[in-house]
Protein backbone atom coordinates (compact mmCIF):
# COMPACT_ATOMS: atom_id res chain seq x y z
CA UNK A 1 0.00 0.00 0.00
CA UNK A 2 2.87 2.38 0.71
CA UNK A 3 4.43 1.62 -2.69
CA UNK A 4 1.34 2.86 -4.57
CA UNK A 5 1.39 6.14 -2.67
CA UNK A 6 5.04 6.63 -3.57
CA UNK A 7 4.17 6.21 -7.25
CA UNK A 8 1.46 8.82 -7.03
CA UNK A 9 3.55 11.37 -5.19
CA UNK A 10 6.53 10.74 -7.47
CA UNK A 11 4.56 12.11 -10.42
CA UNK A 12 3.63 15.24 -8.52
CA UNK A 13 7.22 15.61 -7.34
CA UNK A 14 8.57 15.39 -10.87
CA UNK A 15 6.12 18.02 -12.11
CA UNK A 16 7.00 20.33 -9.21
CA UNK A 17 10.72 19.87 -9.79
CA UNK A 18 10.37 20.62 -13.49
CA UNK A 19 8.76 23.88 -12.41
CA UNK A 20 11.65 24.58 -9.99
CA UNK A 21 14.15 23.74 -12.73
CA UNK A 22 12.54 26.14 -15.20
CA UNK A 23 12.38 28.95 -12.64
CA UNK A 24 16.01 28.34 -11.68
CA UNK A 25 17.16 28.48 -15.28
CA UNK A 26 15.19 31.68 -15.85
CA UNK A 27 17.02 33.39 -13.01
CA UNK A 28 20.33 32.72 -14.75
CA UNK A 29 19.38 35.38 -17.32
CA UNK A 30 19.44 37.96 -14.54
CA UNK A 31 22.85 36.72 -13.40
CA UNK A 32 24.39 37.21 -16.86
CA UNK A 33 23.68 40.95 -16.80
CA UNK A 34 25.01 41.35 -13.27
CA UNK A 35 28.18 39.40 -14.01
CA UNK A 36 28.81 41.48 -17.13
CA UNK A 37 28.34 44.72 -15.19
CA UNK A 38 30.60 43.47 -12.42
CA UNK A 39 33.36 42.53 -14.87
CA UNK A 40 33.23 45.94 -16.55
CA UNK A 41 33.30 47.83 -13.24
CA UNK A 42 36.27 45.84 -11.93
CA UNK A 43 38.14 46.02 -15.27
CA UNK A 44 38.54 42.24 -15.38
CA UNK A 45 39.52 42.30 -19.07
CA UNK A 46 42.86 44.01 -18.34
CA UNK A 47 44.69 41.50 -16.15
CA UNK A 48 47.93 43.51 -16.05
CA UNK A 49 46.34 46.58 -14.49
CA UNK A 50 44.53 44.95 -11.53
CA UNK A 51 45.77 43.47 -8.28
CA UNK A 52 45.84 39.79 -7.36
CA UNK A 53 42.84 40.16 -5.07
CA UNK A 54 40.80 41.70 -7.86
CA UNK A 55 41.85 38.88 -10.20
CA UNK A 56 40.64 36.36 -7.65
CA UNK A 57 37.35 38.23 -7.26
CA UNK A 58 36.90 38.25 -11.05
CA UNK A 59 37.52 34.49 -11.10
CA UNK A 60 34.98 33.85 -8.36
CA UNK A 61 32.32 35.93 -10.11
CA UNK A 62 33.01 34.22 -13.44
CA UNK A 63 32.41 30.81 -11.87
CA UNK A 64 29.11 31.84 -10.25
CA UNK A 65 26.98 30.91 -13.27
CA UNK A 66 28.32 27.33 -13.62
CA UNK A 67 27.89 26.89 -9.85
CA UNK A 68 24.31 28.12 -10.11
CA UNK A 69 23.56 25.64 -12.92
CA UNK A 70 25.15 22.81 -10.91
CA UNK A 71 23.06 23.80 -7.86
CA UNK A 72 19.82 23.69 -9.86
CA UNK A 73 20.64 20.26 -11.30
CA UNK A 74 21.66 18.96 -7.88
CA UNK A 75 18.44 20.10 -6.23
CA UNK A 76 16.15 18.65 -8.89
CA UNK A 77 17.94 15.33 -9.28
CA UNK A 78 18.46 14.97 -5.53
CA UNK A 79 14.79 15.56 -4.78
CA UNK A 80 13.67 12.94 -7.31
CA UNK A 81 16.16 10.39 -6.02
CA UNK A 82 15.22 11.12 -2.42
CA UNK A 83 11.54 10.67 -3.25
CA UNK A 84 12.20 7.35 -4.99
CA UNK A 85 14.50 5.72 -2.42
CA UNK A 86 13.65 7.30 0.95
PDB file of N, CA and C in Angstrom:
ATOM      1  N   UNK A   1       0.820  -1.190   0.000  1.00  0.00           N
ATOM      2  CA  UNK A   1       0.000   0.000   0.000  1.00  0.00           C
ATOM      3  C   UNK A   1       0.867   1.258   0.000  1.00  0.00           C
ATOM      4  N   UNK A   2       1.982   1.222   0.689  1.00  0.00           N
ATOM      5  CA  UNK A   2       2.867   2.379   0.712  1.00  0.00           C
ATOM      6  C   UNK A   2       3.504   2.600  -0.654  1.00  0.00           C
ATOM      7  N   UNK A   3       3.795   1.509  -1.376  1.00  0.00           N
ATOM      8  CA  UNK A   3       4.429   1.619  -2.688  1.00  0.00           C
ATOM      9  C   UNK A   3       3.534   2.374  -3.667  1.00  0.00           C
ATOM     10  N   UNK A   4       2.234   2.164  -3.636  1.00  0.00           N
ATOM     11  CA  UNK A   4       1.344   2.857  -4.567  1.00  0.00           C
ATOM     12  C   UNK A   4       1.298   4.355  -4.270  1.00  0.00           C
ATOM     13  N   UNK A   5       1.370   4.726  -3.004  1.00  0.00           N
ATOM     14  CA  UNK A   5       1.391   6.144  -2.667  1.00  0.00           C
ATOM     15  C   UNK A   5       2.668   6.799  -3.152  1.00  0.00           C
ATOM     16  N   UNK A   6       3.784   6.076  -3.090  1.00  0.00           N
ATOM     17  CA  UNK A   6       5.044   6.630  -3.574  1.00  0.00           C
ATOM     18  C   UNK A   6       4.966   6.899  -5.076  1.00  0.00           C
ATOM     19  N   UNK A   7       4.313   6.020  -5.807  1.00  0.00           N
ATOM     20  CA  UNK A   7       4.171   6.213  -7.245  1.00  0.00           C
ATOM     21  C   UNK A   7       3.328   7.435  -7.566  1.00  0.00           C
ATOM     22  N   UNK A   8       2.311   7.673  -6.790  1.00  0.00           N
ATOM     23  CA  UNK A   8       1.457   8.824  -7.026  1.00  0.00           C
ATOM     24  C   UNK A   8       2.165  10.125  -6.676  1.00  0.00           C
ATOM     25  N   UNK A   9       2.880  10.136  -5.581  1.00  0.00           N
ATOM     26  CA  UNK A   9       3.552  11.367  -5.190  1.00  0.00           C
ATOM     27  C   UNK A   9       4.803  11.613  -6.023  1.00  0.00           C
ATOM     28  N   UNK A  10       5.360  10.561  -6.616  1.00  0.00           N
ATOM     29  CA  UNK A  10       6.530  10.738  -7.473  1.00  0.00           C
ATOM     30  C   UNK A  10       6.168  11.554  -8.703  1.00  0.00           C
ATOM     31  N   UNK A  11       5.008  11.327  -9.266  1.00  0.00           N
ATOM     32  CA  UNK A  11       4.564  12.111 -10.423  1.00  0.00           C
ATOM     33  C   UNK A  11       4.401  13.579 -10.085  1.00  0.00           C
ATOM     34  N   UNK A  12       3.802  13.854  -8.958  1.00  0.00           N
ATOM     35  CA  UNK A  12       3.627  15.236  -8.519  1.00  0.00           C
ATOM     36  C   UNK A  12       4.985  15.874  -8.219  1.00  0.00           C
ATOM     37  N   UNK A  13       5.883  15.106  -7.639  1.00  0.00           N
ATOM     38  CA  UNK A  13       7.225  15.607  -7.338  1.00  0.00           C
ATOM     39  C   UNK A  13       7.971  15.960  -8.608  1.00  0.00           C
ATOM     40  N   UNK A  14       7.884  15.117  -9.613  1.00  0.00           N
ATOM     41  CA  UNK A  14       8.574  15.394 -10.874  1.00  0.00           C
ATOM     42  C   UNK A  14       8.017  16.640 -11.534  1.00  0.00           C
ATOM     43  N   UNK A  15       6.722  16.810 -11.524  1.00  0.00           N
ATOM     44  CA  UNK A  15       6.120  18.020 -12.112  1.00  0.00           C
ATOM     45  C   UNK A  15       6.565  19.268 -11.339  1.00  0.00           C
ATOM     46  N   UNK A  16       6.575  19.184 -10.021  1.00  0.00           N
ATOM     47  CA  UNK A  16       7.003  20.327  -9.210  1.00  0.00           C
ATOM     48  C   UNK A  16       8.475  20.644  -9.440  1.00  0.00           C
ATOM     49  N   UNK A  17       9.303  19.625  -9.584  1.00  0.00           N
ATOM     50  CA  UNK A  17      10.724  19.866  -9.793  1.00  0.00           C
ATOM     51  C   UNK A  17      11.026  20.373 -11.193  1.00  0.00           C
ATOM     52  N   UNK A  18      10.226  20.011 -12.168  1.00  0.00           N
ATOM     53  CA  UNK A  18      10.371  20.622 -13.495  1.00  0.00           C
ATOM     54  C   UNK A  18      10.081  22.110 -13.400  1.00  0.00           C
ATOM     55  N   UNK A  19       9.073  22.467 -12.627  1.00  0.00           N
ATOM     56  CA  UNK A  19       8.757  23.876 -12.406  1.00  0.00           C
ATOM     57  C   UNK A  19       9.921  24.596 -11.720  1.00  0.00           C
ATOM     58  N   UNK A  20      10.502  23.982 -10.695  1.00  0.00           N
ATOM     59  CA  UNK A  20      11.646  24.575  -9.995  1.00  0.00           C
ATOM     60  C   UNK A  20      12.834  24.710 -10.937  1.00  0.00           C
ATOM     61  N   UNK A  21      13.056  23.704 -11.776  1.00  0.00           N
ATOM     62  CA  UNK A  21      14.151  23.737 -12.732  1.00  0.00           C
ATOM     63  C   UNK A  21      13.982  24.880 -13.729  1.00  0.00           C
ATOM     64  N   UNK A  22      12.791  25.064 -14.238  1.00  0.00           N
ATOM     65  CA  UNK A  22      12.539  26.140 -15.202  1.00  0.00           C
ATOM     66  C   UNK A  22      12.726  27.498 -14.549  1.00  0.00           C
ATOM     67  N   UNK A  23      12.212  27.687 -13.350  1.00  0.00           N
ATOM     68  CA  UNK A  23      12.378  28.955 -12.641  1.00  0.00           C
ATOM     69  C   UNK A  23      13.854  29.218 -12.348  1.00  0.00           C
ATOM     70  N   UNK A  24      14.578  28.188 -11.950  1.00  0.00           N
ATOM     71  CA  UNK A  24      16.010  28.342 -11.683  1.00  0.00           C
ATOM     72  C   UNK A  24      16.790  28.735 -12.922  1.00  0.00           C
ATOM     73  N   UNK A  25      16.471  28.126 -14.041  1.00  0.00           N
ATOM     74  CA  UNK A  25      17.163  28.476 -15.282  1.00  0.00           C
ATOM     75  C   UNK A  25      16.786  29.880 -15.769  1.00  0.00           C
ATOM     76  N   UNK A  26      15.579  30.308 -15.462  1.00  0.00           N
ATOM     77  CA  UNK A  26      15.188  31.676 -15.850  1.00  0.00           C
ATOM     78  C   UNK A  26      15.948  32.721 -15.043  1.00  0.00           C
ATOM     79  N   UNK A  27      16.287  32.415 -13.815  1.00  0.00           N
ATOM     80  CA  UNK A  27      17.021  33.394 -13.007  1.00  0.00           C
ATOM     81  C   UNK A  27      18.456  33.562 -13.472  1.00  0.00           C
ATOM     82  N   UNK A  28      18.968  32.600 -14.233  1.00  0.00           N
ATOM     83  CA  UNK A  28      20.330  32.724 -14.755  1.00  0.00           C
ATOM     84  C   UNK A  28      20.432  33.904 -15.717  1.00  0.00           C
ATOM     85  N   UNK A  29      19.359  34.216 -16.428  1.00  0.00           N
ATOM     86  CA  UNK A  29      19.379  35.375 -17.324  1.00  0.00           C
ATOM     87  C   UNK A  29      19.655  36.664 -16.563  1.00  0.00           C
ATOM     88  N   UNK A  30      19.162  36.772 -15.349  1.00  0.00           N
ATOM     89  CA  UNK A  30      19.442  37.956 -14.540  1.00  0.00           C
ATOM     90  C   UNK A  30      20.899  37.975 -14.074  1.00  0.00           C
ATOM     91  N   UNK A  31      21.452  36.796 -13.830  1.00  0.00           N
ATOM     92  CA  UNK A  31      22.850  36.721 -13.401  1.00  0.00           C
ATOM     93  C   UNK A  31      23.813  37.138 -14.506  1.00  0.00           C
ATOM     94  N   UNK A  32      23.498  36.834 -15.757  1.00  0.00           N
ATOM     95  CA  UNK A  32      24.386  37.206 -16.861  1.00  0.00           C
ATOM     96  C   UNK A  32      24.614  38.710 -16.906  1.00  0.00           C
ATOM     97  N   UNK A  33      23.546  39.489 -16.765  1.00  0.00           N
ATOM     98  CA  UNK A  33      23.676  40.950 -16.797  1.00  0.00           C
ATOM     99  C   UNK A  33      24.504  41.456 -15.631  1.00  0.00           C
ATOM    100  N   UNK A  34      24.271  40.902 -14.448  1.00  0.00           N
ATOM    101  CA  UNK A  34      25.011  41.351 -13.271  1.00  0.00           C
ATOM    102  C   UNK A  34      26.487  40.983 -13.348  1.00  0.00           C
ATOM    103  N   UNK A  35      26.792  39.808 -13.871  1.00  0.00           N
ATOM    104  CA  UNK A  35      28.184  39.397 -14.009  1.00  0.00           C
ATOM    105  C   UNK A  35      28.893  40.284 -15.029  1.00  0.00           C
ATOM    106  N   UNK A  36      28.213  40.606 -16.121  1.00  0.00           N
ATOM    107  CA  UNK A  36      28.814  41.483 -17.132  1.00  0.00           C
ATOM    108  C   UNK A  36      29.090  42.869 -16.560  1.00  0.00           C
ATOM    109  N   UNK A  37      28.145  43.412 -15.816  1.00  0.00           N
ATOM    110  CA  UNK A  37      28.338  44.721 -15.194  1.00  0.00           C
ATOM    111  C   UNK A  37      29.480  44.682 -14.188  1.00  0.00           C
ATOM    112  N   UNK A  38      29.548  43.633 -13.417  1.00  0.00           N
ATOM    113  CA  UNK A  38      30.598  43.473 -12.417  1.00  0.00           C
ATOM    114  C   UNK A  38      31.972  43.419 -13.072  1.00  0.00           C
ATOM    115  N   UNK A  39      32.075  42.656 -14.175  1.00  0.00           N
ATOM    116  CA  UNK A  39      33.361  42.534 -14.871  1.00  0.00           C
ATOM    117  C   UNK A  39      33.805  43.864 -15.467  1.00  0.00           C
ATOM    118  N   UNK A  40      32.876  44.638 -15.982  1.00  0.00           N
ATOM    119  CA  UNK A  40      33.231  45.941 -16.548  1.00  0.00           C
ATOM    120  C   UNK A  40      33.666  46.892 -15.447  1.00  0.00           C
ATOM    121  N   UNK A  41      32.964  46.912 -14.332  1.00  0.00           N
ATOM    122  CA  UNK A  41      33.299  47.832 -13.240  1.00  0.00           C
ATOM    123  C   UNK A  41      34.633  47.502 -12.578  1.00  0.00           C
ATOM    124  N   UNK A  42      34.993  46.222 -12.534  1.00  0.00           N
ATOM    125  CA  UNK A  42      36.268  45.840 -11.933  1.00  0.00           C
ATOM    126  C   UNK A  42      37.415  45.799 -12.934  1.00  0.00           C
ATOM    127  N   UNK A  43      37.130  46.037 -14.214  1.00  0.00           N
ATOM    128  CA  UNK A  43      38.143  46.022 -15.266  1.00  0.00           C
ATOM    129  C   UNK A  43      38.809  44.651 -15.337  1.00  0.00           C
ATOM    130  N   UNK A  44      38.012  43.600 -15.366  1.00  0.00           N
ATOM    131  CA  UNK A  44      38.539  42.236 -15.380  1.00  0.00           C
ATOM    132  C   UNK A  44      39.208  41.876 -16.701  1.00  0.00           C
ATOM    133  N   UNK A  45      38.934  42.617 -17.771  1.00  0.00           N
ATOM    134  CA  UNK A  45      39.518  42.295 -19.071  1.00  0.00           C
ATOM    135  C   UNK A  45      41.011  42.630 -19.123  1.00  0.00           C
ATOM    136  N   UNK A  46      41.458  43.596 -18.334  1.00  0.00           N
ATOM    137  CA  UNK A  46      42.861  44.006 -18.340  1.00  0.00           C
ATOM    138  C   UNK A  46      43.552  43.411 -17.113  1.00  0.00           C
ATOM    139  N   UNK A  47      44.117  42.210 -17.288  1.00  0.00           N
ATOM    140  CA  UNK A  47      44.692  41.499 -16.147  1.00  0.00           C
ATOM    141  C   UNK A  47      45.977  42.136 -15.635  1.00  0.00           C
ATOM    142  N   UNK A  48      46.663  42.902 -16.469  1.00  0.00           N
ATOM    143  CA  UNK A  48      47.933  43.508 -16.054  1.00  0.00           C
ATOM    144  C   UNK A  48      47.728  44.716 -15.143  1.00  0.00           C
ATOM    145  N   UNK A  49      46.556  45.328 -15.219  1.00  0.00           N
ATOM    146  CA  UNK A  49      46.336  46.577 -14.491  1.00  0.00           C
ATOM    147  C   UNK A  49      45.645  46.385 -13.142  1.00  0.00           C
ATOM    148  N   UNK A  50      45.257  45.158 -12.790  1.00  0.00           N
ATOM    149  CA  UNK A  50      44.528  44.953 -11.532  1.00  0.00           C
ATOM    150  C   UNK A  50      45.376  44.125 -10.572  1.00  0.00           C
ATOM    151  N   UNK A  51      45.014  44.176  -9.311  1.00  0.00           N
ATOM    152  CA  UNK A  51      45.772  43.467  -8.278  1.00  0.00           C
ATOM    153  C   UNK A  51      45.376  41.993  -8.241  1.00  0.00           C
ATOM    154  N   UNK A  52      46.119  41.222  -7.467  1.00  0.00           N
ATOM    155  CA  UNK A  52      45.837  39.793  -7.357  1.00  0.00           C
ATOM    156  C   UNK A  52      44.491  39.525  -6.694  1.00  0.00           C
ATOM    157  N   UNK A  53      44.137  40.320  -5.722  1.00  0.00           N
ATOM    158  CA  UNK A  53      42.843  40.160  -5.066  1.00  0.00           C
ATOM    159  C   UNK A  53      41.691  40.413  -6.021  1.00  0.00           C
ATOM    160  N   UNK A  54      41.843  41.411  -6.881  1.00  0.00           N
ATOM    161  CA  UNK A  54      40.799  41.703  -7.864  1.00  0.00           C
ATOM    162  C   UNK A  54      40.719  40.583  -8.899  1.00  0.00           C
ATOM    163  N   UNK A  55      41.858  40.017  -9.268  1.00  0.00           N
ATOM    164  CA  UNK A  55      41.851  38.885 -10.201  1.00  0.00           C
ATOM    165  C   UNK A  55      41.103  37.700  -9.601  1.00  0.00           C
ATOM    166  N   UNK A  56      41.331  37.461  -8.324  1.00  0.00           N
ATOM    167  CA  UNK A  56      40.639  36.362  -7.648  1.00  0.00           C
ATOM    168  C   UNK A  56      39.137  36.633  -7.583  1.00  0.00           C
ATOM    169  N   UNK A  57      38.767  37.867  -7.315  1.00  0.00           N
ATOM    170  CA  UNK A  57      37.353  38.230  -7.265  1.00  0.00           C
ATOM    171  C   UNK A  57      36.708  38.067  -8.638  1.00  0.00           C
ATOM    172  N   UNK A  58      37.421  38.446  -9.694  1.00  0.00           N
ATOM    173  CA  UNK A  58      36.904  38.248 -11.052  1.00  0.00           C
ATOM    174  C   UNK A  58      36.705  36.766 -11.344  1.00  0.00           C
ATOM    175  N   UNK A  59      37.624  35.934 -10.891  1.00  0.00           N
ATOM    176  CA  UNK A  59      37.518  34.488 -11.105  1.00  0.00           C
ATOM    177  C   UNK A  59      36.316  33.910 -10.362  1.00  0.00           C
ATOM    178  N   UNK A  60      36.113  34.354  -9.154  1.00  0.00           N
ATOM    179  CA  UNK A  60      34.980  33.854  -8.359  1.00  0.00           C
ATOM    180  C   UNK A  60      33.651  34.250  -9.003  1.00  0.00           C
ATOM    181  N   UNK A  61      33.568  35.474  -9.483  1.00  0.00           N
ATOM    182  CA  UNK A  61      32.320  35.930 -10.105  1.00  0.00           C
ATOM    183  C   UNK A  61      32.090  35.204 -11.431  1.00  0.00           C
ATOM    184  N   UNK A  62      33.158  34.937 -12.176  1.00  0.00           N
ATOM    185  CA  UNK A  62      33.008  34.220 -13.438  1.00  0.00           C
ATOM    186  C   UNK A  62      32.519  32.794 -13.236  1.00  0.00           C
ATOM    187  N   UNK A  63      32.843  32.180 -12.120  1.00  0.00           N
ATOM    188  CA  UNK A  63      32.407  30.809 -11.870  1.00  0.00           C
ATOM    189  C   UNK A  63      31.039  30.737 -11.187  1.00  0.00           C
ATOM    190  N   UNK A  64      30.409  31.860 -10.931  1.00  0.00           N
ATOM    191  CA  UNK A  64      29.113  31.837 -10.248  1.00  0.00           C
ATOM    192  C   UNK A  64      28.016  31.227 -11.112  1.00  0.00           C
ATOM    193  N   UNK A  65      28.031  31.450 -12.408  1.00  0.00           N
ATOM    194  CA  UNK A  65      26.979  30.914 -13.267  1.00  0.00           C
ATOM    195  C   UNK A  65      27.078  29.389 -13.385  1.00  0.00           C
ATOM    196  N   UNK A  66      28.271  28.803 -13.633  1.00  0.00           N
ATOM    197  CA  UNK A  66      28.321  27.330 -13.619  1.00  0.00           C
ATOM    198  C   UNK A  66      27.933  26.721 -12.269  1.00  0.00           C
ATOM    199  N   UNK A  67      28.297  27.379 -11.167  1.00  0.00           N
ATOM    200  CA  UNK A  67      27.889  26.886  -9.848  1.00  0.00           C
ATOM    201  C   UNK A  67      26.374  26.944  -9.688  1.00  0.00           C
ATOM    202  N   UNK A  68      25.759  27.983 -10.192  1.00  0.00           N
ATOM    203  CA  UNK A  68      24.306  28.118 -10.107  1.00  0.00           C
ATOM    204  C   UNK A  68      23.625  27.003 -10.894  1.00  0.00           C
ATOM    205  N   UNK A  69      24.129  26.714 -12.108  1.00  0.00           N
ATOM    206  CA  UNK A  69      23.562  25.641 -12.917  1.00  0.00           C
ATOM    207  C   UNK A  69      23.736  24.297 -12.207  1.00  0.00           C
ATOM    208  N   UNK A  70      24.910  24.050 -11.642  1.00  0.00           N
ATOM    209  CA  UNK A  70      25.153  22.813 -10.906  1.00  0.00           C
ATOM    210  C   UNK A  70      24.216  22.711  -9.698  1.00  0.00           C
ATOM    211  N   UNK A  71      23.964  23.795  -9.011  1.00  0.00           N
ATOM    212  CA  UNK A  71      23.064  23.802  -7.860  1.00  0.00           C
ATOM    213  C   UNK A  71      21.643  23.436  -8.273  1.00  0.00           C
ATOM    214  N   UNK A  72      21.173  23.985  -9.393  1.00  0.00           N
ATOM    215  CA  UNK A  72      19.820  23.689  -9.860  1.00  0.00           C
ATOM    216  C   UNK A  72      19.690  22.210 -10.214  1.00  0.00           C
ATOM    217  N   UNK A  73      20.678  21.687 -10.959  1.00  0.00           N
ATOM    218  CA  UNK A  73      20.643  20.265 -11.304  1.00  0.00           C
ATOM    219  C   UNK A  73      20.708  19.392 -10.050  1.00  0.00           C
ATOM    220  N   UNK A  74      21.525  19.758  -9.097  1.00  0.00           N
ATOM    221  CA  UNK A  74      21.659  18.964  -7.876  1.00  0.00           C
ATOM    222  C   UNK A  74      20.364  18.930  -7.082  1.00  0.00           C
ATOM    223  N   UNK A  75      19.700  20.045  -6.978  1.00  0.00           N
ATOM    224  CA  UNK A  75      18.440  20.100  -6.225  1.00  0.00           C
ATOM    225  C   UNK A  75      17.372  19.256  -6.896  1.00  0.00           C
ATOM    226  N   UNK A  76      17.221  19.391  -8.209  1.00  0.00           N
ATOM    227  CA  UNK A  76      16.155  18.654  -8.892  1.00  0.00           C
ATOM    228  C   UNK A  76      16.423  17.153  -8.908  1.00  0.00           C
ATOM    229  N   UNK A  77      17.629  16.758  -9.243  1.00  0.00           N
ATOM    230  CA  UNK A  77      17.937  15.325  -9.279  1.00  0.00           C
ATOM    231  C   UNK A  77      17.922  14.731  -7.875  1.00  0.00           C
ATOM    232  N   UNK A  78      18.449  15.455  -6.906  1.00  0.00           N
ATOM    233  CA  UNK A  78      18.458  14.973  -5.532  1.00  0.00           C
ATOM    234  C   UNK A  78      17.062  14.792  -4.960  1.00  0.00           C
ATOM    235  N   UNK A  79      16.159  15.693  -5.292  1.00  0.00           N
ATOM    236  CA  UNK A  79      14.795  15.563  -4.779  1.00  0.00           C
ATOM    237  C   UNK A  79      14.077  14.364  -5.394  1.00  0.00           C
ATOM    238  N   UNK A  80      14.303  14.108  -6.669  1.00  0.00           N
ATOM    239  CA  UNK A  80      13.668  12.940  -7.308  1.00  0.00           C
ATOM    240  C   UNK A  80      14.238  11.651  -6.726  1.00  0.00           C
ATOM    241  N   UNK A  81      15.546  11.592  -6.576  1.00  0.00           N
ATOM    242  CA  UNK A  81      16.158  10.392  -6.020  1.00  0.00           C
ATOM    243  C   UNK A  81      15.728  10.181  -4.573  1.00  0.00           C
ATOM    244  N   UNK A  82      15.659  11.241  -3.808  1.00  0.00           N
ATOM    245  CA  UNK A  82      15.216  11.116  -2.415  1.00  0.00           C
ATOM    246  C   UNK A  82      13.772  10.632  -2.334  1.00  0.00           C
ATOM    247  N   UNK A  83      12.946  11.094  -3.251  1.00  0.00           N
ATOM    248  CA  UNK A  83      11.540  10.670  -3.246  1.00  0.00           C
ATOM    249  C   UNK A  83      11.410   9.190  -3.637  1.00  0.00           C
ATOM    250  N   UNK A  84      12.288   8.733  -4.522  1.00  0.00           N
ATOM    251  CA  UNK A  84      12.198   7.346  -4.987  1.00  0.00           C
ATOM    252  C   UNK A  84      12.733   6.359  -3.953  1.00  0.00           C
ATOM    253  N   UNK A  85      13.824   6.713  -3.262  1.00  0.00           N
ATOM    254  CA  UNK A  85      14.500   5.724  -2.420  1.00  0.00           C
ATOM    255  C   UNK A  85      14.340   5.948  -0.933  1.00  0.00           C
ATOM    256  N   UNK A  86      13.808   7.066  -0.492  1.00  0.00           N
ATOM    257  CA  UNK A  86      13.655   7.298   0.952  1.00  0.00           C
ATOM    258  C   UNK A  86      12.208   7.194   1.367  1.00  0.00           C
TER     259      UNK A  86
END
